[in-house]
């Protein structure tokens, strides 16, 4: 008997792309009413925070944000109405944020 495991899946609702710099970060639009998970992928190491604030300072993101390594896909649980703010620890990075729902 073999046991097969499956990756949980979600529907892609929308995607946002951010171009980040080391001195100027970026924020996504507010997540939709059906968004409970996002998928992140970045071309260079990135620090990010998810919350309700419309903008977060680069210093706050660098000091308290989670680290997303380059070329790694990460899934993050969110609440509708939140947004993601991010900055790169390199000179530049492209970050793709895909909203997913059930």
N, C-alpha and C. Protein backbone atom coordinates (compact mmCIF):
# COMPACT_ATOMS: atom_id res chain seq x y z
N UNK A 1 0.84 -1.17 0.00
CA UNK A 1 0.00 0.00 0.00
C UNK A 1 0.89 1.24 0.00
N UNK A 2 0.61 2.16 -0.89
CA UNK A 2 1.39 3.38 -0.91
C UNK A 2 0.55 4.54 -0.39
N UNK A 3 1.22 5.44 0.26
CA UNK A 3 0.56 6.63 0.78
C UNK A 3 1.00 7.79 -0.09
N UNK A 4 0.05 8.53 -0.57
CA UNK A 4 0.36 9.65 -1.45
C UNK A 4 -0.06 10.92 -0.75
N UNK A 5 0.82 11.87 -0.68
CA UNK A 5 0.46 13.16 -0.06
C UNK A 5 0.27 14.19 -1.16
N UNK A 6 -0.64 15.10 -0.92
CA UNK A 6 -0.95 16.15 -1.87
C UNK A 6 -0.70 17.51 -1.22
N UNK A 7 -0.30 18.44 -2.04
CA UNK A 7 -0.16 19.83 -1.59
C UNK A 7 -1.55 20.44 -1.51
N UNK A 8 -1.87 21.09 -0.40
CA UNK A 8 -3.13 21.82 -0.34
C UNK A 8 -3.14 22.85 -1.46
N UNK A 9 -4.29 23.07 -2.03
CA UNK A 9 -4.35 24.02 -3.14
C UNK A 9 -5.40 25.08 -2.87
N UNK A 10 -5.27 26.17 -3.59
CA UNK A 10 -6.19 27.29 -3.49
C UNK A 10 -6.36 27.89 -4.87
N UNK A 11 -7.41 28.63 -5.06
CA UNK A 11 -7.64 29.34 -6.32
C UNK A 11 -6.83 30.63 -6.32
N UNK A 12 -6.20 30.92 -7.46
CA UNK A 12 -5.53 32.21 -7.60
C UNK A 12 -6.60 33.27 -7.85
N UNK A 13 -6.60 34.30 -7.00
CA UNK A 13 -7.58 35.38 -7.13
C UNK A 13 -7.02 36.57 -7.88
N UNK A 14 -5.81 36.97 -7.56
CA UNK A 14 -5.16 38.08 -8.25
C UNK A 14 -3.67 38.04 -7.94
N UNK A 15 -2.91 38.80 -8.69
CA UNK A 15 -1.47 38.85 -8.49
C UNK A 15 -1.01 40.30 -8.57
N UNK A 16 -0.06 40.64 -7.70
CA UNK A 16 0.52 41.97 -7.69
C UNK A 16 2.03 41.85 -7.76
N UNK A 17 2.67 42.71 -8.50
CA UNK A 17 4.13 42.71 -8.58
C UNK A 17 4.66 44.01 -8.01
N UNK A 18 5.71 43.88 -7.19
CA UNK A 18 6.37 45.05 -6.60
C UNK A 18 7.82 45.05 -7.01
N UNK A 19 8.35 46.20 -7.39
CA UNK A 19 9.77 46.36 -7.63
C UNK A 19 10.33 47.07 -6.41
N UNK A 20 11.24 46.41 -5.71
CA UNK A 20 11.75 46.91 -4.43
C UNK A 20 13.19 47.38 -4.55
N UNK A 21 13.56 48.34 -3.73
CA UNK A 21 14.93 48.78 -3.59
C UNK A 21 15.36 48.65 -2.14
N UNK A 22 16.65 48.87 -1.89
CA UNK A 22 17.14 48.72 -0.52
C UNK A 22 16.82 49.93 0.36
N UNK A 23 16.45 51.06 -0.25
CA UNK A 23 16.10 52.22 0.55
C UNK A 23 14.62 52.57 0.44
N UNK A 24 13.94 52.03 -0.56
CA UNK A 24 12.52 52.30 -0.73
C UNK A 24 11.78 50.99 -0.94
N UNK A 25 10.88 50.71 -0.03
CA UNK A 25 10.09 49.49 -0.15
C UNK A 25 8.82 49.74 -0.92
N UNK A 26 7.91 48.81 -0.83
CA UNK A 26 6.64 48.93 -1.50
C UNK A 26 5.56 48.24 -0.71
N UNK A 27 4.30 48.56 -1.04
CA UNK A 27 3.15 47.94 -0.39
C UNK A 27 2.17 47.50 -1.46
N UNK A 28 1.46 46.41 -1.17
CA UNK A 28 0.42 45.94 -2.07
C UNK A 28 -0.86 46.73 -1.83
N UNK A 29 -1.80 46.52 -2.72
CA UNK A 29 -3.15 47.01 -2.48
C UNK A 29 -3.75 46.15 -1.36
N UNK A 30 -4.85 46.60 -0.80
CA UNK A 30 -5.53 45.85 0.25
C UNK A 30 -5.98 44.50 -0.32
N UNK A 31 -5.78 43.42 0.45
CA UNK A 31 -6.21 42.10 0.01
C UNK A 31 -7.73 42.03 -0.02
N UNK A 32 -8.25 41.26 -0.98
CA UNK A 32 -9.68 41.16 -1.20
C UNK A 32 -10.44 40.44 -0.10
N UNK A 33 -11.76 40.48 -0.19
CA UNK A 33 -12.63 39.93 0.85
C UNK A 33 -12.59 38.41 0.94
N UNK A 34 -12.04 37.74 -0.05
CA UNK A 34 -11.94 36.28 -0.04
C UNK A 34 -10.51 35.78 0.11
N UNK A 35 -9.56 36.69 0.40
CA UNK A 35 -8.14 36.33 0.48
C UNK A 35 -7.76 35.94 1.90
N UNK A 36 -7.35 34.70 2.07
CA UNK A 36 -6.91 34.19 3.36
C UNK A 36 -5.49 33.63 3.31
N UNK A 37 -4.90 33.64 2.12
CA UNK A 37 -3.55 33.13 1.96
C UNK A 37 -2.92 33.85 0.77
N UNK A 38 -1.62 34.11 0.87
CA UNK A 38 -0.88 34.67 -0.26
C UNK A 38 0.35 33.81 -0.53
N UNK A 39 0.78 33.85 -1.79
CA UNK A 39 2.00 33.14 -2.19
C UNK A 39 3.01 34.21 -2.59
N UNK A 40 4.22 34.12 -2.00
CA UNK A 40 5.27 35.10 -2.26
C UNK A 40 6.44 34.46 -2.98
N UNK A 41 7.04 35.22 -3.90
CA UNK A 41 8.26 34.80 -4.57
C UNK A 41 9.04 36.06 -4.94
N UNK A 42 10.35 36.07 -4.66
CA UNK A 42 11.17 37.25 -4.93
C UNK A 42 12.47 36.85 -5.61
N UNK A 43 13.00 37.78 -6.42
CA UNK A 43 14.24 37.52 -7.14
C UNK A 43 15.48 37.70 -6.26
N UNK A 44 15.37 38.44 -5.18
CA UNK A 44 16.45 38.62 -4.21
C UNK A 44 15.86 38.57 -2.80
N UNK A 45 16.71 38.42 -1.80
CA UNK A 45 16.24 38.35 -0.42
C UNK A 45 15.42 39.58 -0.07
N UNK A 46 14.28 39.34 0.55
CA UNK A 46 13.32 40.39 0.87
C UNK A 46 12.86 40.25 2.31
N UNK A 47 12.56 41.37 2.96
CA UNK A 47 11.94 41.38 4.28
C UNK A 47 10.52 41.91 4.09
N UNK A 48 9.55 41.31 4.80
CA UNK A 48 8.16 41.74 4.62
C UNK A 48 7.38 41.68 5.93
N UNK A 49 6.31 42.48 5.97
CA UNK A 49 5.34 42.50 7.07
C UNK A 49 3.95 42.48 6.47
N UNK A 50 3.03 41.82 7.14
CA UNK A 50 1.63 41.83 6.74
C UNK A 50 0.84 42.48 7.87
N UNK A 51 -0.03 43.43 7.53
CA UNK A 51 -0.83 44.10 8.54
C UNK A 51 -1.87 45.01 7.93
N UNK A 52 -2.54 45.77 8.79
CA UNK A 52 -3.59 46.68 8.33
C UNK A 52 -3.08 48.07 7.97
N UNK A 53 -1.87 48.42 8.40
CA UNK A 53 -1.35 49.77 8.17
C UNK A 53 -1.17 50.05 6.68
N UNK A 54 -1.54 51.25 6.23
CA UNK A 54 -1.38 51.58 4.82
C UNK A 54 0.09 51.69 4.40
N UNK A 55 0.95 52.07 5.31
CA UNK A 55 2.37 52.12 4.98
C UNK A 55 3.18 51.87 6.25
N UNK A 56 4.29 51.18 6.08
CA UNK A 56 5.17 50.85 7.19
C UNK A 56 6.55 51.35 6.81
N UNK A 57 7.29 51.90 7.76
CA UNK A 57 8.61 52.43 7.44
C UNK A 57 9.58 51.32 7.07
N UNK A 58 10.53 51.65 6.23
CA UNK A 58 11.56 50.69 5.82
C UNK A 58 12.32 50.16 7.02
N UNK A 59 12.58 51.02 8.00
CA UNK A 59 13.30 50.62 9.21
C UNK A 59 12.52 49.56 9.97
N UNK A 60 11.20 49.76 10.11
CA UNK A 60 10.36 48.78 10.82
C UNK A 60 10.36 47.44 10.09
N UNK A 61 10.25 47.46 8.77
CA UNK A 61 10.27 46.22 8.00
C UNK A 61 11.59 45.49 8.19
N UNK A 62 12.70 46.22 8.10
CA UNK A 62 14.02 45.59 8.24
C UNK A 62 14.24 45.02 9.63
N UNK A 63 13.72 45.71 10.66
CA UNK A 63 13.94 45.27 12.04
C UNK A 63 13.01 44.15 12.48
N UNK A 64 11.77 44.15 12.02
CA UNK A 64 10.80 43.19 12.54
C UNK A 64 10.18 42.29 11.49
N UNK A 65 10.48 42.52 10.23
CA UNK A 65 9.86 41.74 9.17
C UNK A 65 10.41 40.33 9.05
N UNK A 66 9.62 39.46 8.43
CA UNK A 66 10.05 38.10 8.13
C UNK A 66 10.95 38.13 6.89
N UNK A 67 11.85 37.17 6.80
CA UNK A 67 12.78 37.11 5.67
C UNK A 67 12.29 36.12 4.64
N UNK A 68 12.24 36.55 3.39
CA UNK A 68 11.94 35.69 2.26
C UNK A 68 13.22 35.57 1.44
N UNK A 69 13.86 34.39 1.45
CA UNK A 69 15.09 34.23 0.65
C UNK A 69 14.80 34.34 -0.84
N UNK A 70 15.82 34.62 -1.60
CA UNK A 70 15.70 34.72 -3.06
C UNK A 70 15.25 33.39 -3.65
N UNK A 71 14.37 33.47 -4.63
CA UNK A 71 13.94 32.31 -5.41
C UNK A 71 13.31 31.20 -4.57
N UNK A 72 12.63 31.57 -3.48
CA UNK A 72 11.91 30.62 -2.64
C UNK A 72 10.44 31.03 -2.67
N UNK A 73 9.56 30.04 -2.75
CA UNK A 73 8.12 30.32 -2.69
C UNK A 73 7.66 30.11 -1.26
N UNK A 74 6.94 31.11 -0.75
CA UNK A 74 6.45 31.03 0.63
C UNK A 74 4.95 31.31 0.63
N UNK A 75 4.22 30.54 1.43
CA UNK A 75 2.79 30.73 1.62
C UNK A 75 2.57 31.40 2.97
N UNK A 76 1.73 32.44 3.02
CA UNK A 76 1.50 33.20 4.24
C UNK A 76 -0.01 33.34 4.45
N UNK A 77 -0.45 33.09 5.67
CA UNK A 77 -1.85 33.27 6.03
C UNK A 77 -2.11 34.75 6.29
N UNK A 78 -3.18 35.27 5.72
CA UNK A 78 -3.54 36.69 5.89
C UNK A 78 -5.03 36.79 6.19
N UNK A 79 -5.47 37.99 6.46
CA UNK A 79 -6.87 38.29 6.70
C UNK A 79 -7.33 39.29 5.64
N UNK A 80 -8.55 39.14 5.11
CA UNK A 80 -9.03 40.14 4.16
C UNK A 80 -8.88 41.55 4.74
N UNK A 81 -8.48 42.50 3.89
CA UNK A 81 -8.30 43.88 4.33
C UNK A 81 -6.88 44.22 4.73
N UNK A 82 -6.03 43.22 4.94
CA UNK A 82 -4.63 43.49 5.25
C UNK A 82 -3.89 43.80 3.95
N UNK A 83 -2.63 44.17 4.09
CA UNK A 83 -1.75 44.39 2.95
C UNK A 83 -0.34 43.96 3.33
N UNK A 84 0.52 43.78 2.35
CA UNK A 84 1.90 43.40 2.58
C UNK A 84 2.79 44.60 2.27
N UNK A 85 3.77 44.87 3.14
CA UNK A 85 4.79 45.88 2.89
C UNK A 85 6.13 45.16 2.88
N UNK A 86 7.02 45.55 1.96
CA UNK A 86 8.28 44.82 1.81
C UNK A 86 9.40 45.75 1.37
N UNK A 87 10.63 45.27 1.61
CA UNK A 87 11.84 45.96 1.16
C UNK A 87 12.89 44.87 0.91
N UNK A 88 13.80 45.11 0.01
CA UNK A 88 14.83 44.12 -0.25
C UNK A 88 16.08 44.43 0.56
N UNK A 89 16.84 43.40 0.86
CA UNK A 89 18.13 43.59 1.53
C UNK A 89 19.25 43.64 0.50
N UNK A 90 18.90 43.50 -0.78
CA UNK A 90 19.85 43.63 -1.89
C UNK A 90 19.65 45.00 -2.53
N UNK A 91 20.26 45.23 -3.67
CA UNK A 91 20.08 46.53 -4.33
C UNK A 91 18.72 46.64 -4.99
N UNK A 92 18.16 45.52 -5.44
CA UNK A 92 16.84 45.53 -6.07
C UNK A 92 16.26 44.12 -6.05
N UNK A 93 14.92 44.04 -6.08
CA UNK A 93 14.24 42.75 -6.15
C UNK A 93 12.85 42.95 -6.75
N UNK A 94 12.41 41.95 -7.46
CA UNK A 94 11.04 41.90 -7.92
C UNK A 94 10.30 40.91 -7.04
N UNK A 95 9.18 41.32 -6.47
CA UNK A 95 8.39 40.48 -5.57
C UNK A 95 7.01 40.27 -6.18
N UNK A 96 6.61 39.01 -6.30
CA UNK A 96 5.27 38.69 -6.79
C UNK A 96 4.42 38.20 -5.62
N UNK A 97 3.26 38.82 -5.46
CA UNK A 97 2.33 38.47 -4.39
C UNK A 97 1.05 37.98 -5.05
N UNK A 98 0.74 36.70 -4.86
CA UNK A 98 -0.47 36.12 -5.45
C UNK A 98 -1.48 35.85 -4.34
N UNK A 99 -2.65 36.47 -4.46
CA UNK A 99 -3.72 36.24 -3.49
C UNK A 99 -4.44 34.95 -3.87
N UNK A 100 -4.69 34.10 -2.87
CA UNK A 100 -5.39 32.86 -3.12
C UNK A 100 -6.56 32.72 -2.17
N UNK A 101 -7.54 31.94 -2.57
CA UNK A 101 -8.71 31.70 -1.74
C UNK A 101 -9.24 30.31 -1.99
N UNK A 102 -10.25 29.93 -1.25
CA UNK A 102 -10.79 28.58 -1.39
C UNK A 102 -11.83 28.51 -2.48
